[in-house]
mmCIF file of all heavy atoms, coordinates in Angstrom:
data_MODEL
# 
_entry.id   MODEL 
# 
loop_
_atom_site.group_PDB 
_atom_site.id 
_atom_site.type_symbol 
_atom_site.label_atom_id 
_atom_site.label_alt_id 
_atom_site.label_comp_id 
_atom_site.label_asym_id 
_atom_site.label_entity_id 
_atom_site.label_seq_id 
_atom_site.pdbx_PDB_ins_code 
_atom_site.Cartn_x 
_atom_site.Cartn_y 
_atom_site.Cartn_z 
_atom_site.occupancy 
_atom_site.B_iso_or_equiv 
_atom_site.pdbx_formal_charge 
_atom_site.auth_seq_id 
_atom_site.auth_comp_id 
_atom_site.auth_asym_id 
_atom_site.auth_atom_id 
_atom_site.pdbx_PDB_model_num 
ATOM 1   N N   . PHE A 1 1  ? -27.378 -9.032  17.487 1.00 0.00 ? 1  PHE A N   1 
ATOM 2   C CA  . PHE A 1 1  ? -26.137 -9.026  18.268 1.00 0.00 ? 1  PHE A CA  1 
ATOM 3   C C   . PHE A 1 1  ? -26.000 -7.753  19.102 1.00 0.00 ? 1  PHE A C   1 
ATOM 4   O O   . PHE A 1 1  ? -25.741 -7.812  20.306 1.00 0.00 ? 1  PHE A O   1 
ATOM 5   C CB  . PHE A 1 1  ? -24.930 -9.170  17.346 1.00 0.00 ? 1  PHE A CB  1 
ATOM 6   C CG  . PHE A 1 1  ? -23.625 -8.998  18.068 1.00 0.00 ? 1  PHE A CG  1 
ATOM 7   C CD1 . PHE A 1 1  ? -23.168 -9.966  18.954 1.00 0.00 ? 1  PHE A CD1 1 
ATOM 8   C CD2 . PHE A 1 1  ? -22.864 -7.852  17.889 1.00 0.00 ? 1  PHE A CD2 1 
ATOM 9   C CE1 . PHE A 1 1  ? -21.968 -9.788  19.647 1.00 0.00 ? 1  PHE A CE1 1 
ATOM 10  C CE2 . PHE A 1 1  ? -21.659 -7.675  18.562 1.00 0.00 ? 1  PHE A CE2 1 
ATOM 11  C CZ  . PHE A 1 1  ? -21.221 -8.645  19.449 1.00 0.00 ? 1  PHE A CZ  1 
ATOM 12  N N   . PHE A 1 2  ? -26.152 -6.607  18.461 1.00 0.00 ? 2  PHE A N   1 
ATOM 13  C CA  . PHE A 1 2  ? -25.966 -5.353  19.184 1.00 0.00 ? 2  PHE A CA  1 
ATOM 14  C C   . PHE A 1 2  ? -27.034 -5.142  20.254 1.00 0.00 ? 2  PHE A C   1 
ATOM 15  O O   . PHE A 1 2  ? -26.755 -4.609  21.330 1.00 0.00 ? 2  PHE A O   1 
ATOM 16  C CB  . PHE A 1 2  ? -25.952 -4.178  18.206 1.00 0.00 ? 2  PHE A CB  1 
ATOM 17  C CG  . PHE A 1 2  ? -24.701 -4.102  17.385 1.00 0.00 ? 2  PHE A CG  1 
ATOM 18  C CD1 . PHE A 1 2  ? -24.740 -4.283  16.009 1.00 0.00 ? 2  PHE A CD1 1 
ATOM 19  C CD2 . PHE A 1 2  ? -23.467 -3.877  17.984 1.00 0.00 ? 2  PHE A CD2 1 
ATOM 20  C CE1 . PHE A 1 2  ? -23.579 -4.229  15.245 1.00 0.00 ? 2  PHE A CE1 1 
ATOM 21  C CE2 . PHE A 1 2  ? -22.298 -3.826  17.238 1.00 0.00 ? 2  PHE A CE2 1 
ATOM 22  C CZ  . PHE A 1 2  ? -22.365 -3.998  15.862 1.00 0.00 ? 2  PHE A CZ  1 
ATOM 23  N N   . GLY A 1 3  ? -28.257 -5.569  19.953 1.00 0.00 ? 3  GLY A N   1 
ATOM 24  C CA  . GLY A 1 3  ? -29.330 -5.429  20.930 1.00 0.00 ? 3  GLY A CA  1 
ATOM 25  C C   . GLY A 1 3  ? -29.089 -6.274  22.176 1.00 0.00 ? 3  GLY A C   1 
ATOM 26  O O   . GLY A 1 3  ? -29.224 -5.787  23.312 1.00 0.00 ? 3  GLY A O   1 
ATOM 27  N N   . LEU A 1 4  ? -28.716 -7.527  21.987 1.00 0.00 ? 4  LEU A N   1 
ATOM 28  C CA  . LEU A 1 4  ? -28.472 -8.427  23.113 1.00 0.00 ? 4  LEU A CA  1 
ATOM 29  C C   . LEU A 1 4  ? -27.246 -8.000  23.914 1.00 0.00 ? 4  LEU A C   1 
ATOM 30  O O   . LEU A 1 4  ? -27.258 -8.007  25.151 1.00 0.00 ? 4  LEU A O   1 
ATOM 31  C CB  . LEU A 1 4  ? -28.292 -9.863  22.613 1.00 0.00 ? 4  LEU A CB  1 
ATOM 32  C CG  . LEU A 1 4  ? -29.527 -10.514 21.984 1.00 0.00 ? 4  LEU A CG  1 
ATOM 33  C CD1 . LEU A 1 4  ? -29.154 -11.859 21.368 1.00 0.00 ? 4  LEU A CD1 1 
ATOM 34  C CD2 . LEU A 1 4  ? -30.634 -10.686 23.015 1.00 0.00 ? 4  LEU A CD2 1 
ATOM 35  N N   . SER A 1 5  ? -26.185 -7.618  23.213 1.00 0.00 ? 5  SER A N   1 
ATOM 36  C CA  . SER A 1 5  ? -24.962 -7.184  23.891 1.00 0.00 ? 5  SER A CA  1 
ATOM 37  C C   . SER A 1 5  ? -25.220 -5.921  24.700 1.00 0.00 ? 5  SER A C   1 
ATOM 38  O O   . SER A 1 5  ? -24.787 -5.810  25.851 1.00 0.00 ? 5  SER A O   1 
ATOM 39  C CB  . SER A 1 5  ? -23.852 -6.919  22.870 1.00 0.00 ? 5  SER A CB  1 
ATOM 40  O OG  . SER A 1 5  ? -23.504 -8.095  22.180 1.00 0.00 ? 5  SER A OG  1 
ATOM 41  N N   . ALA A 1 6  ? -25.935 -4.974  24.090 1.00 0.00 ? 6  ALA A N   1 
ATOM 42  C CA  . ALA A 1 6  ? -26.231 -3.723  24.780 1.00 0.00 ? 6  ALA A CA  1 
ATOM 43  C C   . ALA A 1 6  ? -27.076 -3.975  26.021 1.00 0.00 ? 6  ALA A C   1 
ATOM 44  O O   . ALA A 1 6  ? -26.854 -3.348  27.072 1.00 0.00 ? 6  ALA A O   1 
ATOM 45  C CB  . ALA A 1 6  ? -26.953 -2.761  23.833 1.00 0.00 ? 6  ALA A CB  1 
ATOM 46  N N   . TYR A 1 7  ? -28.034 -4.887  25.912 1.00 0.00 ? 7  TYR A N   1 
ATOM 47  C CA  . TYR A 1 7  ? -28.899 -5.199  27.051 1.00 0.00 ? 7  TYR A CA  1 
ATOM 48  C C   . TYR A 1 7  ? -28.085 -5.688  28.241 1.00 0.00 ? 7  TYR A C   1 
ATOM 49  O O   . TYR A 1 7  ? -28.260 -5.222  29.371 1.00 0.00 ? 7  TYR A O   1 
ATOM 50  C CB  . TYR A 1 7  ? -29.929 -6.251  26.643 1.00 0.00 ? 7  TYR A CB  1 
ATOM 51  C CG  . TYR A 1 7  ? -30.731 -6.784  27.807 1.00 0.00 ? 7  TYR A CG  1 
ATOM 52  C CD1 . TYR A 1 7  ? -31.741 -6.022  28.378 1.00 0.00 ? 7  TYR A CD1 1 
ATOM 53  C CD2 . TYR A 1 7  ? -30.468 -8.045  28.339 1.00 0.00 ? 7  TYR A CD2 1 
ATOM 54  C CE1 . TYR A 1 7  ? -32.474 -6.498  29.458 1.00 0.00 ? 7  TYR A CE1 1 
ATOM 55  C CE2 . TYR A 1 7  ? -31.188 -8.532  29.418 1.00 0.00 ? 7  TYR A CE2 1 
ATOM 56  C CZ  . TYR A 1 7  ? -32.195 -7.753  29.967 1.00 0.00 ? 7  TYR A CZ  1 
ATOM 57  O OH  . TYR A 1 7  ? -32.903 -8.232  31.047 1.00 0.00 ? 7  TYR A OH  1 
ATOM 58  N N   . VAL A 1 8  ? -27.176 -6.624  27.993 1.00 0.00 ? 8  VAL A N   1 
ATOM 59  C CA  . VAL A 1 8  ? -26.368 -7.177  29.081 1.00 0.00 ? 8  VAL A CA  1 
ATOM 60  C C   . VAL A 1 8  ? -25.387 -6.135  29.622 1.00 0.00 ? 8  VAL A C   1 
ATOM 61  O O   . VAL A 1 8  ? -25.200 -6.006  30.832 1.00 0.00 ? 8  VAL A O   1 
ATOM 62  C CB  . VAL A 1 8  ? -25.608 -8.430  28.610 1.00 0.00 ? 8  VAL A CB  1 
ATOM 63  C CG1 . VAL A 1 8  ? -24.698 -8.962  29.718 1.00 0.00 ? 8  VAL A CG1 1 
ATOM 64  C CG2 . VAL A 1 8  ? -26.580 -9.517  28.181 1.00 0.00 ? 8  VAL A CG2 1 
ATOM 65  N N   . LEU A 1 9  ? -24.774 -5.368  28.732 1.00 0.00 ? 9  LEU A N   1 
ATOM 66  C CA  . LEU A 1 9  ? -23.791 -4.371  29.152 1.00 0.00 ? 9  LEU A CA  1 
ATOM 67  C C   . LEU A 1 9  ? -24.437 -3.251  29.960 1.00 0.00 ? 9  LEU A C   1 
ATOM 68  O O   . LEU A 1 9  ? -23.849 -2.736  30.918 1.00 0.00 ? 9  LEU A O   1 
ATOM 69  C CB  . LEU A 1 9  ? -23.078 -3.778  27.931 1.00 0.00 ? 9  LEU A CB  1 
ATOM 70  C CG  . LEU A 1 9  ? -22.105 -4.713  27.207 1.00 0.00 ? 9  LEU A CG  1 
ATOM 71  C CD1 . LEU A 1 9  ? -21.645 -4.088  25.898 1.00 0.00 ? 9  LEU A CD1 1 
ATOM 72  C CD2 . LEU A 1 9  ? -20.900 -5.035  28.097 1.00 0.00 ? 9  LEU A CD2 1 
ATOM 73  N N   . ILE A 1 10 ? -25.650 -2.869  29.588 1.00 0.00 ? 10 ILE A N   1 
ATOM 74  C CA  . ILE A 1 10 ? -26.330 -1.768  30.280 1.00 0.00 ? 10 ILE A CA  1 
ATOM 75  C C   . ILE A 1 10 ? -26.922 -2.225  31.611 1.00 0.00 ? 10 ILE A C   1 
ATOM 76  O O   . ILE A 1 10 ? -26.776 -1.561  32.631 1.00 0.00 ? 10 ILE A O   1 
ATOM 77  C CB  . ILE A 1 10 ? -27.436 -1.163  29.387 1.00 0.00 ? 10 ILE A CB  1 
ATOM 78  C CG1 . ILE A 1 10 ? -26.796 -0.450  28.187 1.00 0.00 ? 10 ILE A CG1 1 
ATOM 79  C CG2 . ILE A 1 10 ? -28.302 -0.178  30.176 1.00 0.00 ? 10 ILE A CG2 1 
ATOM 80  C CD1 . ILE A 1 10 ? -27.792 0.002   27.138 1.00 0.00 ? 10 ILE A CD1 1 
ATOM 81  N N   . THR A 1 11 ? -27.590 -3.378  31.602 1.00 0.00 ? 11 THR A N   1 
ATOM 82  C CA  . THR A 1 11 ? -28.238 -3.859  32.830 1.00 0.00 ? 11 THR A CA  1 
ATOM 83  C C   . THR A 1 11 ? -27.257 -4.522  33.787 1.00 0.00 ? 11 THR A C   1 
ATOM 84  O O   . THR A 1 11 ? -27.534 -4.633  34.985 1.00 0.00 ? 11 THR A O   1 
ATOM 85  C CB  . THR A 1 11 ? -29.348 -4.859  32.495 1.00 0.00 ? 11 THR A CB  1 
ATOM 86  O OG1 . THR A 1 11 ? -28.780 -6.027  31.860 1.00 0.00 ? 11 THR A OG1 1 
ATOM 87  C CG2 . THR A 1 11 ? -30.382 -4.235  31.566 1.00 0.00 ? 11 THR A CG2 1 
ATOM 88  N N   . ARG A 1 12 ? -26.105 -4.999  33.248 1.00 0.00 ? 12 ARG A N   1 
ATOM 89  C CA  . ARG A 1 12 ? -25.096 -5.720  34.038 1.00 0.00 ? 12 ARG A CA  1 
ATOM 90  C C   . ARG A 1 12 ? -25.663 -6.981  34.684 1.00 0.00 ? 12 ARG A C   1 
ATOM 91  O O   . ARG A 1 12 ? -25.162 -7.443  35.718 1.00 0.00 ? 12 ARG A O   1 
ATOM 92  C CB  . ARG A 1 12 ? -24.516 -4.817  35.137 1.00 0.00 ? 12 ARG A CB  1 
ATOM 93  C CG  . ARG A 1 12 ? -24.136 -3.420  34.701 1.00 0.00 ? 12 ARG A CG  1 
ATOM 94  C CD  . ARG A 1 12 ? -22.960 -3.407  33.758 1.00 0.00 ? 12 ARG A CD  1 
ATOM 95  N NE  . ARG A 1 12 ? -21.702 -3.753  34.420 1.00 0.00 ? 12 ARG A NE  1 
ATOM 96  C CZ  . ARG A 1 12 ? -20.510 -3.679  33.822 1.00 0.00 ? 12 ARG A CZ  1 
ATOM 97  N NH1 . ARG A 1 12 ? -20.432 -3.289  32.558 1.00 0.00 ? 12 ARG A NH1 1 
ATOM 98  N NH2 . ARG A 1 12 ? -19.419 -4.007  34.470 1.00 0.00 ? 12 ARG A NH2 1 
ATOM 99  N N   . LYS A 1 13 ? -26.659 -7.577  34.068 1.00 0.00 ? 13 LYS A N   1 
ATOM 100 C CA  . LYS A 1 13 ? -27.274 -8.769  34.633 1.00 0.00 ? 13 LYS A CA  1 
ATOM 101 C C   . LYS A 1 13 ? -26.348 -9.979  34.504 1.00 0.00 ? 13 LYS A C   1 
ATOM 102 O O   . LYS A 1 13 ? -25.646 -10.129 33.517 1.00 0.00 ? 13 LYS A O   1 
ATOM 103 C CB  . LYS A 1 13 ? -28.609 -9.065  33.945 1.00 0.00 ? 13 LYS A CB  1 
ATOM 104 C CG  . LYS A 1 13 ? -29.732 -8.143  34.381 1.00 0.00 ? 13 LYS A CG  1 
ATOM 105 C CD  . LYS A 1 13 ? -31.069 -8.627  33.861 1.00 0.00 ? 13 LYS A CD  1 
ATOM 106 C CE  . LYS A 1 13 ? -32.211 -7.770  34.398 1.00 0.00 ? 13 LYS A CE  1 
ATOM 107 N NZ  . LYS A 1 13 ? -33.545 -8.246  33.921 1.00 0.00 ? 13 LYS A NZ  1 
ATOM 108 N N   . ASP A 1 14 ? -26.385 -10.811 35.531 1.00 0.00 ? 14 ASP A N   1 
ATOM 109 C CA  . ASP A 1 14 ? -25.596 -12.044 35.524 1.00 0.00 ? 14 ASP A CA  1 
ATOM 110 C C   . ASP A 1 14 ? -26.401 -13.129 34.811 1.00 0.00 ? 14 ASP A C   1 
ATOM 111 O O   . ASP A 1 14 ? -27.455 -13.543 35.294 1.00 0.00 ? 14 ASP A O   1 
ATOM 112 C CB  . ASP A 1 14 ? -25.285 -12.455 36.964 1.00 0.00 ? 14 ASP A CB  1 
ATOM 113 C CG  . ASP A 1 14 ? -24.358 -13.663 37.035 1.00 0.00 ? 14 ASP A CG  1 
ATOM 114 O OD1 . ASP A 1 14 ? -24.047 -14.231 35.971 1.00 0.00 ? 14 ASP A OD1 1 
ATOM 115 O OD2 . ASP A 1 14 ? -23.962 -14.040 38.150 1.00 0.00 ? 14 ASP A OD2 1 
ATOM 116 N N   . MET A 1 15 ? -25.915 -13.576 33.669 1.00 0.00 ? 15 MET A N   1 
ATOM 117 C CA  . MET A 1 15 ? -26.624 -14.567 32.868 1.00 0.00 ? 15 MET A CA  1 
ATOM 118 C C   . MET A 1 15 ? -26.102 -15.987 33.077 1.00 0.00 ? 15 MET A C   1 
ATOM 119 O O   . MET A 1 15 ? -26.354 -16.868 32.255 1.00 0.00 ? 15 MET A O   1 
ATOM 120 C CB  . MET A 1 15 ? -26.511 -14.192 31.382 1.00 0.00 ? 15 MET A CB  1 
ATOM 121 C CG  . MET A 1 15 ? -27.164 -12.880 31.020 1.00 0.00 ? 15 MET A CG  1 
ATOM 122 S SD  . MET A 1 15 ? -28.960 -12.975 31.171 1.00 0.00 ? 15 MET A SD  1 
ATOM 123 C CE  . MET A 1 15 ? -29.418 -11.268 30.823 1.00 0.00 ? 15 MET A CE  1 
ATOM 124 N N   . SER A 1 16 ? -25.377 -16.194 34.163 1.00 0.00 ? 16 SER A N   1 
ATOM 125 C CA  . SER A 1 16 ? -24.808 -17.524 34.405 1.00 0.00 ? 16 SER A CA  1 
ATOM 126 C C   . SER A 1 16 ? -25.889 -18.586 34.588 1.00 0.00 ? 16 SER A C   1 
ATOM 127 O O   . SER A 1 16 ? -25.621 -19.784 34.407 1.00 0.00 ? 16 SER A O   1 
ATOM 128 C CB  . SER A 1 16 ? -23.893 -17.495 35.626 1.00 0.00 ? 16 SER A CB  1 
ATOM 129 O OG  . SER A 1 16 ? -24.594 -17.079 36.776 1.00 0.00 ? 16 SER A OG  1 
ATOM 130 N N   . PHE A 1 17 ? -27.110 -18.162 34.931 1.00 0.00 ? 17 PHE A N   1 
ATOM 131 C CA  . PHE A 1 17 ? -28.198 -19.120 35.116 1.00 0.00 ? 17 PHE A CA  1 
ATOM 132 C C   . PHE A 1 17 ? -28.581 -19.819 33.806 1.00 0.00 ? 17 PHE A C   1 
ATOM 133 O O   . PHE A 1 17 ? -29.300 -20.827 33.817 1.00 0.00 ? 17 PHE A O   1 
ATOM 134 C CB  . PHE A 1 17 ? -29.433 -18.408 35.694 1.00 0.00 ? 17 PHE A CB  1 
ATOM 135 C CG  . PHE A 1 17 ? -30.068 -17.418 34.764 1.00 0.00 ? 17 PHE A CG  1 
ATOM 136 C CD1 . PHE A 1 17 ? -31.075 -17.804 33.885 1.00 0.00 ? 17 PHE A CD1 1 
ATOM 137 C CD2 . PHE A 1 17 ? -29.672 -16.090 34.763 1.00 0.00 ? 17 PHE A CD2 1 
ATOM 138 C CE1 . PHE A 1 17 ? -31.666 -16.899 33.025 1.00 0.00 ? 17 PHE A CE1 1 
ATOM 139 C CE2 . PHE A 1 17 ? -30.244 -15.169 33.900 1.00 0.00 ? 17 PHE A CE2 1 
ATOM 140 C CZ  . PHE A 1 17 ? -31.241 -15.581 33.030 1.00 0.00 ? 17 PHE A CZ  1 
ATOM 141 N N   . LEU A 1 18 ? -28.094 -19.282 32.673 1.00 0.00 ? 18 LEU A N   1 
ATOM 142 C CA  . LEU A 1 18 ? -28.410 -19.883 31.374 1.00 0.00 ? 18 LEU A CA  1 
ATOM 143 C C   . LEU A 1 18 ? -27.580 -21.125 31.071 1.00 0.00 ? 18 LEU A C   1 
ATOM 144 O O   . LEU A 1 18 ? -27.847 -21.822 30.092 1.00 0.00 ? 18 LEU A O   1 
ATOM 145 C CB  . LEU A 1 18 ? -28.187 -18.863 30.254 1.00 0.00 ? 18 LEU A CB  1 
ATOM 146 C CG  . LEU A 1 18 ? -29.160 -17.679 30.166 1.00 0.00 ? 18 LEU A CG  1 
ATOM 147 C CD1 . LEU A 1 18 ? -28.676 -16.698 29.091 1.00 0.00 ? 18 LEU A CD1 1 
ATOM 148 C CD2 . LEU A 1 18 ? -30.565 -18.160 29.864 1.00 0.00 ? 18 LEU A CD2 1 
ATOM 149 N N   . ALA A 1 19 ? -26.575 -21.403 31.898 1.00 0.00 ? 19 ALA A N   1 
ATOM 150 C CA  . ALA A 1 19 ? -25.651 -22.508 31.615 1.00 0.00 ? 19 ALA A CA  1 
ATOM 151 C C   . ALA A 1 19 ? -26.365 -23.837 31.408 1.00 0.00 ? 19 ALA A C   1 
ATOM 152 O O   . ALA A 1 19 ? -26.105 -24.559 30.432 1.00 0.00 ? 19 ALA A O   1 
ATOM 153 C CB  . ALA A 1 19 ? -24.617 -22.625 32.740 1.00 0.00 ? 19 ALA A CB  1 
ATOM 154 N N   . GLY A 1 20 ? -27.276 -24.179 32.320 1.00 0.00 ? 20 GLY A N   1 
ATOM 155 C CA  . GLY A 1 20 ? -27.996 -25.447 32.208 1.00 0.00 ? 20 GLY A CA  1 
ATOM 156 C C   . GLY A 1 20 ? -28.876 -25.502 30.970 1.00 0.00 ? 20 GLY A C   1 
ATOM 157 O O   . GLY A 1 20 ? -28.933 -26.522 30.268 1.00 0.00 ? 20 GLY A O   1 
ATOM 158 N N   . THR A 1 21 ? -29.548 -24.396 30.676 1.00 0.00 ? 21 THR A N   1 
ATOM 159 C CA  . THR A 1 21 ? -30.405 -24.320 29.488 1.00 0.00 ? 21 THR A CA  1 
ATOM 160 C C   . THR A 1 21 ? -29.598 -24.478 28.216 1.00 0.00 ? 21 THR A C   1 
ATOM 161 O O   . THR A 1 21 ? -30.019 -25.151 27.267 1.00 0.00 ? 21 THR A O   1 
ATOM 162 C CB  . THR A 1 21 ? -31.154 -22.974 29.455 1.00 0.00 ? 21 THR A CB  1 
ATOM 163 O OG1 . THR A 1 21 ? -31.918 -22.820 30.661 1.00 0.00 ? 21 THR A OG1 1 
ATOM 164 C CG2 . THR A 1 21 ? -32.093 -22.905 28.265 1.00 0.00 ? 21 THR A CG2 1 
ATOM 165 N N   . LEU A 1 22 ? -28.414 -23.857 28.194 1.00 0.00 ? 22 LEU A N   1 
ATOM 166 C CA  . LEU A 1 22 ? -27.558 -23.958 27.021 1.00 0.00 ? 22 LEU A CA  1 
ATOM 167 C C   . LEU A 1 22 ? -27.057 -25.381 26.802 1.00 0.00 ? 22 LEU A C   1 
ATOM 168 O O   . LEU A 1 22 ? -26.978 -25.850 25.656 1.00 0.00 ? 22 LEU A O   1 
ATOM 169 C CB  . LEU A 1 22 ? -26.366 -22.998 27.161 1.00 0.00 ? 22 LEU A CB  1 
ATOM 170 C CG  . LEU A 1 22 ? -26.702 -21.509 27.051 1.00 0.00 ? 22 LEU A CG  1 
ATOM 171 C CD1 . LEU A 1 22 ? -25.503 -20.656 27.428 1.00 0.00 ? 22 LEU A CD1 1 
ATOM 172 C CD2 . LEU A 1 22 ? -27.171 -21.176 25.636 1.00 0.00 ? 22 LEU A CD2 1 
ATOM 173 N N   . MET A 1 23 ? -26.729 -26.061 27.871 1.00 0.00 ? 23 MET A N   1 
ATOM 174 C CA  . MET A 1 23 ? -26.272 -27.444 27.743 1.00 0.00 ? 23 MET A CA  1 
ATOM 175 C C   . MET A 1 23 ? -27.393 -28.330 27.198 1.00 0.00 ? 23 MET A C   1 
ATOM 176 O O   . MET A 1 23 ? -27.171 -29.149 26.286 1.00 0.00 ? 23 MET A O   1 
ATOM 177 C CB  . MET A 1 23 ? -25.808 -27.967 29.098 1.00 0.00 ? 23 MET A CB  1 
ATOM 178 C CG  . MET A 1 23 ? -25.304 -29.413 29.061 1.00 0.00 ? 23 MET A CG  1 
ATOM 179 S SD  . MET A 1 23 ? -23.947 -29.673 27.882 1.00 0.00 ? 23 MET A SD  1 
ATOM 180 C CE  . MET A 1 23 ? -22.633 -28.746 28.709 1.00 0.00 ? 23 MET A CE  1 
ATOM 181 N N   . ALA A 1 24 ? -28.591 -28.147 27.732 1.00 0.00 ? 24 ALA A N   1 
ATOM 182 C CA  . ALA A 1 24 ? -29.729 -28.927 27.247 1.00 0.00 ? 24 ALA A CA  1 
ATOM 183 C C   . ALA A 1 24 ? -30.033 -28.581 25.794 1.00 0.00 ? 24 ALA A C   1 
ATOM 184 O O   . ALA A 1 24 ? -30.296 -29.463 24.967 1.00 0.00 ? 24 ALA A O   1 
ATOM 185 C CB  . ALA A 1 24 ? -30.954 -28.649 28.124 1.00 0.00 ? 24 ALA A CB  1 
ATOM 186 N N   . GLY A 1 25 ? -29.972 -27.280 25.468 1.00 0.00 ? 25 GLY A N   1 
ATOM 187 C CA  . GLY A 1 25 ? -30.238 -26.842 24.105 1.00 0.00 ? 25 GLY A CA  1 
ATOM 188 C C   . GLY A 1 25 ? -29.239 -27.400 23.115 1.00 0.00 ? 25 GLY A C   1 
ATOM 189 O O   . GLY A 1 25 ? -29.589 -27.741 21.978 1.00 0.00 ? 25 GLY A O   1 
ATOM 190 N N   . PHE A 1 26 ? -27.978 -27.508 23.541 1.00 0.00 ? 26 PHE A N   1 
ATOM 191 C CA  . PHE A 1 26 ? -26.938 -28.058 22.673 1.00 0.00 ? 26 PHE A CA  1 
ATOM 192 C C   . PHE A 1 26 ? -27.278 -29.477 22.241 1.00 0.00 ? 26 PHE A C   1 
ATOM 193 O O   . PHE A 1 26 ? -27.208 -29.822 21.060 1.00 0.00 ? 26 PHE A O   1 
ATOM 194 C CB  . PHE A 1 26 ? -25.592 -28.031 23.411 1.00 0.00 ? 26 PHE A CB  1 
ATOM 195 C CG  . PHE A 1 26 ? -24.493 -28.755 22.694 1.00 0.00 ? 26 PHE A CG  1 
ATOM 196 C CD1 . PHE A 1 26 ? -23.829 -28.160 21.629 1.00 0.00 ? 26 PHE A CD1 1 
ATOM 197 C CD2 . PHE A 1 26 ? -24.113 -30.039 23.076 1.00 0.00 ? 26 PHE A CD2 1 
ATOM 198 C CE1 . PHE A 1 26 ? -22.813 -28.837 20.956 1.00 0.00 ? 26 PHE A CE1 1 
ATOM 199 C CE2 . PHE A 1 26 ? -23.099 -30.715 22.416 1.00 0.00 ? 26 PHE A CE2 1 
ATOM 200 C CZ  . PHE A 1 26 ? -22.453 -30.112 21.352 1.00 0.00 ? 26 PHE A CZ  1 
# 
């Protein structure tokens, strides 16, 4: 949890592209 959160918070990357993958994964 802390590793993933820190990665996004530090890099400020937009992860919205994961939406389709998450829907398929669900």
